Amino acid sequence: MKNYDKTTVTAGARTELHDTLRLTGAEISVNTLPAGAGVPFVHAHKQNEEIYAILGGKGKAVIDGETVQLAAGDWLRISPAAKRQFFAAADEELKYICIQVKENSLEGYTASDALL
């Protein structure tokens, strides 16, 4: 059995990588909202924080009633309980990656988790 999985993400509104990459500690999705569109629901989580990487375009997130402007290069972390909804700008699509992980679960990272 190999120790890795690889996939290619092509154009589309949403691609979830959990099953494709056999993820065991995170959920990752690649998303594109067309210009003027928004995620059609407000949501929060029980225990998972979300990290958003804005890959292209511009838009906004409404988090607990506060509007946060988003543009390519921005990173955003949202606590589980925060109510959130995302929107693309009227004249430009919004491309982003969402990484969902259990809050406070990171025990080691980078050098402290490396085996040399």
N, C-alpha and C. Protein backbone atom coordinates (compact mmCIF):
# COMPACT_ATOMS: atom_id res chain seq x y z
N MET A 1 0.84 -1.18 0.00
CA MET A 1 0.00 0.00 0.00
C MET A 1 0.88 1.24 0.00
N LYS A 2 0.61 2.17 -0.87
CA LYS A 2 1.39 3.40 -0.93
C LYS A 2 1.03 4.33 0.22
N ASN A 3 1.95 5.21 0.56
CA ASN A 3 1.79 6.14 1.67
C ASN A 3 1.35 7.53 1.24
N TYR A 4 0.68 7.64 0.11
CA TYR A 4 0.20 8.95 -0.34
C TYR A 4 -0.99 8.76 -1.27
N ASP A 5 -1.73 9.83 -1.46
CA ASP A 5 -2.83 9.89 -2.42
C ASP A 5 -2.70 11.20 -3.17
N LYS A 6 -3.03 11.19 -4.45
CA LYS A 6 -2.95 12.39 -5.29
C LYS A 6 -4.24 12.52 -6.08
N THR A 7 -4.66 13.75 -6.28
CA THR A 7 -5.82 14.02 -7.12
C THR A 7 -5.60 15.32 -7.86
N THR A 8 -6.38 15.56 -8.86
CA THR A 8 -6.35 16.83 -9.60
C THR A 8 -7.73 17.45 -9.50
N VAL A 9 -7.75 18.72 -9.15
CA VAL A 9 -9.02 19.44 -9.05
C VAL A 9 -9.21 20.24 -10.32
N THR A 10 -10.31 20.01 -11.00
CA THR A 10 -10.63 20.76 -12.20
C THR A 10 -11.68 21.81 -11.86
N ALA A 11 -12.05 22.59 -12.83
CA ALA A 11 -13.04 23.66 -12.61
C ALA A 11 -14.35 23.08 -12.09
N GLY A 12 -14.96 23.82 -11.20
CA GLY A 12 -16.25 23.41 -10.65
C GLY A 12 -16.61 24.29 -9.47
N ALA A 13 -17.86 24.23 -9.08
CA ALA A 13 -18.31 25.06 -7.97
C ALA A 13 -17.71 24.61 -6.64
N ARG A 14 -17.62 23.29 -6.41
CA ARG A 14 -17.11 22.78 -5.14
C ARG A 14 -16.55 21.37 -5.33
N THR A 15 -15.36 21.15 -4.83
CA THR A 15 -14.75 19.82 -4.83
C THR A 15 -14.32 19.51 -3.41
N GLU A 16 -14.86 18.45 -2.84
CA GLU A 16 -14.46 18.01 -1.50
C GLU A 16 -13.41 16.92 -1.64
N LEU A 17 -12.36 17.01 -0.85
CA LEU A 17 -11.22 16.11 -0.99
C LEU A 17 -11.16 15.02 0.08
N HIS A 18 -12.11 14.99 1.00
CA HIS A 18 -12.08 14.02 2.10
C HIS A 18 -11.95 12.58 1.62
N ASP A 19 -12.86 12.15 0.76
CA ASP A 19 -12.83 10.77 0.28
C ASP A 19 -11.73 10.53 -0.72
N THR A 20 -11.55 11.46 -1.65
CA THR A 20 -10.56 11.29 -2.72
C THR A 20 -9.15 11.10 -2.17
N LEU A 21 -8.79 11.88 -1.15
CA LEU A 21 -7.44 11.80 -0.58
C LEU A 21 -7.38 10.96 0.70
N ARG A 22 -8.48 10.34 1.08
CA ARG A 22 -8.56 9.53 2.30
C ARG A 22 -8.08 10.32 3.52
N LEU A 23 -8.59 11.54 3.66
CA LEU A 23 -8.19 12.40 4.77
C LEU A 23 -8.72 11.84 6.09
N THR A 24 -7.90 11.90 7.13
CA THR A 24 -8.29 11.36 8.43
C THR A 24 -8.28 12.43 9.53
N GLY A 25 -7.77 13.61 9.25
CA GLY A 25 -7.70 14.64 10.28
C GLY A 25 -8.22 15.99 9.84
N ALA A 26 -8.71 16.08 8.61
CA ALA A 26 -9.17 17.37 8.09
C ALA A 26 -10.17 17.13 6.97
N GLU A 27 -10.95 18.15 6.70
CA GLU A 27 -11.79 18.19 5.50
C GLU A 27 -11.32 19.39 4.70
N ILE A 28 -11.10 19.21 3.42
CA ILE A 28 -10.64 20.30 2.56
C ILE A 28 -11.56 20.36 1.35
N SER A 29 -11.98 21.57 1.00
CA SER A 29 -12.76 21.75 -0.21
C SER A 29 -12.20 22.91 -1.01
N VAL A 30 -12.32 22.79 -2.33
CA VAL A 30 -11.92 23.83 -3.26
C VAL A 30 -13.21 24.39 -3.85
N ASN A 31 -13.39 25.72 -3.75
CA ASN A 31 -14.68 26.33 -4.06
C ASN A 31 -14.55 27.52 -5.01
N THR A 32 -15.56 27.70 -5.85
CA THR A 32 -15.67 28.89 -6.69
C THR A 32 -17.10 29.39 -6.63
N LEU A 33 -17.24 30.64 -6.19
CA LEU A 33 -18.54 31.30 -6.23
C LEU A 33 -18.55 32.23 -7.44
N PRO A 34 -19.50 32.11 -8.34
CA PRO A 34 -19.57 33.02 -9.49
C PRO A 34 -19.84 34.45 -9.03
N ALA A 35 -19.48 35.40 -9.87
CA ALA A 35 -19.74 36.82 -9.57
C ALA A 35 -21.19 37.00 -9.18
N GLY A 36 -21.41 37.70 -8.08
CA GLY A 36 -22.74 38.00 -7.61
C GLY A 36 -23.42 36.89 -6.81
N ALA A 37 -22.79 35.73 -6.70
CA ALA A 37 -23.40 34.60 -5.99
C ALA A 37 -22.94 34.55 -4.54
N GLY A 38 -23.67 33.79 -3.76
CA GLY A 38 -23.30 33.59 -2.37
C GLY A 38 -23.62 32.17 -1.95
N VAL A 39 -22.99 31.72 -0.88
CA VAL A 39 -23.36 30.43 -0.29
C VAL A 39 -24.80 30.60 0.20
N PRO A 40 -25.70 29.69 -0.15
CA PRO A 40 -27.12 29.92 0.11
C PRO A 40 -27.58 29.68 1.55
N PHE A 41 -26.65 29.58 2.49
CA PHE A 41 -27.05 29.34 3.87
C PHE A 41 -26.00 29.91 4.83
N VAL A 42 -26.44 30.21 6.03
CA VAL A 42 -25.57 30.61 7.13
C VAL A 42 -25.29 29.34 7.92
N HIS A 43 -24.04 29.15 8.34
CA HIS A 43 -23.75 27.95 9.12
C HIS A 43 -22.70 28.19 10.18
N ALA A 44 -22.64 27.27 11.13
CA ALA A 44 -21.63 27.23 12.18
C ALA A 44 -21.27 25.76 12.34
N HIS A 45 -20.37 25.45 13.26
CA HIS A 45 -19.97 24.07 13.49
C HIS A 45 -20.02 23.73 14.97
N LYS A 46 -20.05 22.45 15.27
CA LYS A 46 -20.04 21.99 16.66
C LYS A 46 -18.64 22.07 17.24
N GLN A 47 -17.63 21.56 16.50
CA GLN A 47 -16.28 21.52 17.05
C GLN A 47 -15.17 21.83 16.05
N ASN A 48 -15.50 22.03 14.79
CA ASN A 48 -14.46 22.26 13.78
C ASN A 48 -14.30 23.74 13.44
N GLU A 49 -13.04 24.21 13.52
CA GLU A 49 -12.72 25.54 13.01
C GLU A 49 -12.52 25.43 11.52
N GLU A 50 -12.64 26.54 10.83
CA GLU A 50 -12.39 26.56 9.39
C GLU A 50 -11.32 27.59 9.07
N ILE A 51 -10.45 27.22 8.14
CA ILE A 51 -9.40 28.12 7.65
C ILE A 51 -9.67 28.30 6.16
N TYR A 52 -9.78 29.55 5.75
CA TYR A 52 -10.05 29.87 4.34
C TYR A 52 -8.83 30.52 3.72
N ALA A 53 -8.43 30.04 2.55
CA ALA A 53 -7.38 30.64 1.75
C ALA A 53 -8.04 31.19 0.49
N ILE A 54 -7.97 32.50 0.30
CA ILE A 54 -8.59 33.12 -0.87
C ILE A 54 -7.59 33.05 -2.02
N LEU A 55 -7.92 32.28 -3.04
CA LEU A 55 -7.02 32.04 -4.17
C LEU A 55 -7.15 33.07 -5.27
N GLY A 56 -8.35 33.59 -5.46
CA GLY A 56 -8.56 34.55 -6.53
C GLY A 56 -9.88 35.28 -6.39
N GLY A 57 -9.96 36.40 -7.04
CA GLY A 57 -11.18 37.19 -7.02
C GLY A 57 -11.33 38.00 -5.75
N LYS A 58 -12.58 38.37 -5.49
CA LYS A 58 -12.87 39.13 -4.28
C LYS A 58 -14.30 38.88 -3.86
N GLY A 59 -14.58 39.22 -2.61
CA GLY A 59 -15.90 39.02 -2.08
C GLY A 59 -15.92 39.41 -0.62
N LYS A 60 -16.81 38.77 0.13
CA LYS A 60 -16.91 39.07 1.55
C LYS A 60 -17.43 37.86 2.31
N ALA A 61 -17.12 37.86 3.60
CA ALA A 61 -17.72 36.91 4.52
C ALA A 61 -18.49 37.73 5.55
N VAL A 62 -19.65 37.25 5.94
CA VAL A 62 -20.38 37.86 7.03
C VAL A 62 -20.28 36.87 8.19
N ILE A 63 -19.58 37.31 9.25
CA ILE A 63 -19.29 36.45 10.40
C ILE A 63 -19.90 37.08 11.63
N ASP A 64 -20.86 36.39 12.23
CA ASP A 64 -21.57 36.92 13.39
C ASP A 64 -22.06 38.35 13.15
N GLY A 65 -22.53 38.61 11.94
CA GLY A 65 -23.07 39.92 11.59
C GLY A 65 -22.05 40.94 11.13
N GLU A 66 -20.75 40.63 11.24
CA GLU A 66 -19.69 41.55 10.81
C GLU A 66 -19.23 41.20 9.41
N THR A 67 -19.12 42.20 8.54
CA THR A 67 -18.66 41.98 7.17
C THR A 67 -17.15 42.08 7.11
N VAL A 68 -16.54 41.04 6.53
CA VAL A 68 -15.09 40.98 6.35
C VAL A 68 -14.82 40.91 4.85
N GLN A 69 -14.15 41.92 4.30
CA GLN A 69 -13.83 41.94 2.88
C GLN A 69 -12.72 40.92 2.59
N LEU A 70 -12.82 40.24 1.44
CA LEU A 70 -11.87 39.20 1.06
C LEU A 70 -11.31 39.47 -0.33
N ALA A 71 -10.00 39.19 -0.49
CA ALA A 71 -9.33 39.32 -1.79
C ALA A 71 -8.23 38.28 -1.87
N ALA A 72 -7.78 38.01 -3.08
CA ALA A 72 -6.72 37.03 -3.31
C ALA A 72 -5.55 37.28 -2.37
N GLY A 73 -5.07 36.21 -1.75
CA GLY A 73 -3.95 36.29 -0.82
C GLY A 73 -4.38 36.34 0.63
N ASP A 74 -5.65 36.60 0.90
CA ASP A 74 -6.14 36.64 2.28
C ASP A 74 -6.29 35.23 2.85
N TRP A 75 -6.05 35.13 4.16
CA TRP A 75 -6.30 33.92 4.94
C TRP A 75 -7.21 34.30 6.09
N LEU A 76 -8.14 33.42 6.44
CA LEU A 76 -9.13 33.72 7.46
C LEU A 76 -9.40 32.46 8.27
N ARG A 77 -9.34 32.56 9.60
CA ARG A 77 -9.70 31.46 10.49
C ARG A 77 -10.99 31.83 11.21
N ILE A 78 -11.93 30.89 11.27
CA ILE A 78 -13.21 31.15 11.92
C ILE A 78 -13.46 30.07 12.98
N SER A 79 -13.76 30.51 14.20
CA SER A 79 -14.08 29.60 15.31
C SER A 79 -15.33 28.80 15.00
N PRO A 80 -15.45 27.61 15.58
CA PRO A 80 -16.61 26.77 15.28
C PRO A 80 -17.97 27.46 15.47
N ALA A 81 -18.16 28.13 16.57
CA ALA A 81 -19.48 28.68 16.91
C ALA A 81 -19.89 29.90 16.09
N ALA A 82 -18.95 30.52 15.40
CA ALA A 82 -19.28 31.72 14.63
C ALA A 82 -20.21 31.37 13.47
N LYS A 83 -21.23 32.18 13.29
CA LYS A 83 -22.16 32.00 12.17
C LYS A 83 -21.56 32.72 10.96
N ARG A 84 -21.46 32.01 9.84
CA ARG A 84 -20.77 32.56 8.68
C ARG A 84 -21.52 32.31 7.38
N GLN A 85 -21.27 33.22 6.42
CA GLN A 85 -21.81 33.09 5.07
C GLN A 85 -20.88 33.85 4.13
N PHE A 86 -20.66 33.31 2.92
CA PHE A 86 -19.71 33.89 1.97
C PHE A 86 -20.40 34.35 0.70
N PHE A 87 -19.86 35.43 0.13
CA PHE A 87 -20.42 36.04 -1.08
C PHE A 87 -19.28 36.47 -2.01
N ALA A 88 -19.47 36.26 -3.31
CA ALA A 88 -18.55 36.81 -4.31
C ALA A 88 -18.96 38.25 -4.60
N ALA A 89 -18.00 39.05 -5.03
CA ALA A 89 -18.30 40.42 -5.44
C ALA A 89 -19.27 40.39 -6.63
N ALA A 90 -19.99 41.48 -6.82
CA ALA A 90 -20.97 41.55 -7.91
C ALA A 90 -20.32 41.38 -9.27
N ASP A 91 -19.06 41.82 -9.40
CA ASP A 91 -18.40 41.82 -10.70
C ASP A 91 -17.23 40.84 -10.81
N GLU A 92 -17.05 39.96 -9.83
CA GLU A 92 -15.88 39.07 -9.85
C GLU A 92 -16.17 37.81 -9.04
N GLU A 93 -15.74 36.66 -9.56
CA GLU A 93 -15.92 35.42 -8.82
C GLU A 93 -14.97 35.37 -7.62
N LEU A 94 -15.23 34.45 -6.71
CA LEU A 94 -14.40 34.25 -5.53
C LEU A 94 -13.96 32.79 -5.50
N LYS A 95 -12.65 32.57 -5.55
CA LYS A 95 -12.09 31.21 -5.49
C LYS A 95 -11.38 31.04 -4.16
N TYR A 96 -11.69 29.94 -3.47
CA TYR A 96 -11.07 29.74 -2.16
C TYR A 96 -10.98 28.26 -1.80
N ILE A 97 -10.08 27.98 -0.87
CA ILE A 97 -9.96 26.66 -0.26
C ILE A 97 -10.46 26.79 1.16
N CYS A 98 -11.22 25.82 1.61
CA CYS A 98 -11.67 25.76 3.01
C CYS A 98 -11.07 24.51 3.64
N ILE A 99 -10.37 24.69 4.75
CA ILE A 99 -9.78 23.59 5.51
C ILE A 99 -10.52 23.53 6.84
N GLN A 100 -11.10 22.39 7.13
CA GLN A 100 -11.87 22.23 8.36
C GLN A 100 -11.17 21.21 9.26
N VAL A 101 -10.86 21.62 10.48
CA VAL A 101 -10.18 20.75 11.44
C VAL A 101 -10.77 20.94 12.83
N LYS A 102 -10.63 19.94 13.67
CA LYS A 102 -11.13 20.04 15.05
C LYS A 102 -10.33 21.10 15.80
N GLU A 103 -11.04 22.04 16.40
CA GLU A 103 -10.40 23.13 17.15
C GLU A 103 -9.56 22.55 18.29
N ASN A 104 -8.36 23.11 18.50
CA ASN A 104 -7.44 22.74 19.58
C ASN A 104 -6.91 21.31 19.48
N SER A 105 -6.89 20.72 18.28
CA SER A 105 -6.42 19.34 18.13
C SER A 105 -4.96 19.24 17.70
N LEU A 106 -4.33 20.33 17.32
CA LEU A 106 -2.96 20.28 16.83
C LEU A 106 -1.99 20.08 18.00
N GLU A 107 -1.28 18.98 17.99
CA GLU A 107 -0.34 18.67 19.05
C GLU A 107 1.11 18.88 18.65
N GLY A 108 1.40 18.78 17.40
CA GLY A 108 2.75 19.00 16.90
C GLY A 108 2.69 19.50 15.48
N TYR A 109 3.69 20.24 15.08
CA TYR A 109 3.69 20.76 13.71
C TYR A 109 5.12 21.02 13.27
N THR A 110 5.31 21.12 12.00
CA THR A 110 6.58 21.40 11.33
C THR A 110 7.72 20.64 12.01
N ALA A 111 8.69 21.32 12.55
CA ALA A 111 9.89 20.67 13.11
C ALA A 111 9.58 19.75 14.28
N SER A 112 8.60 20.10 15.12
CA SER A 112 8.31 19.27 16.30
C SER A 112 7.64 17.95 15.92
N ASP A 113 7.12 17.83 14.71
CA ASP A 113 6.47 16.59 14.27
C ASP A 113 7.29 15.84 13.22
N ALA A 114 8.41 16.40 12.82
CA ALA A 114 9.23 15.79 11.76
C ALA A 114 10.09 14.64 12.31
N LEU A 115 10.25 13.62 11.49
CA LEU A 115 11.18 12.54 11.79
C LEU A 115 12.35 12.67 10.83
N LEU A 116 13.52 12.95 11.35
CA LEU A 116 14.69 13.13 10.49
C LEU A 116 15.60 11.95 10.58
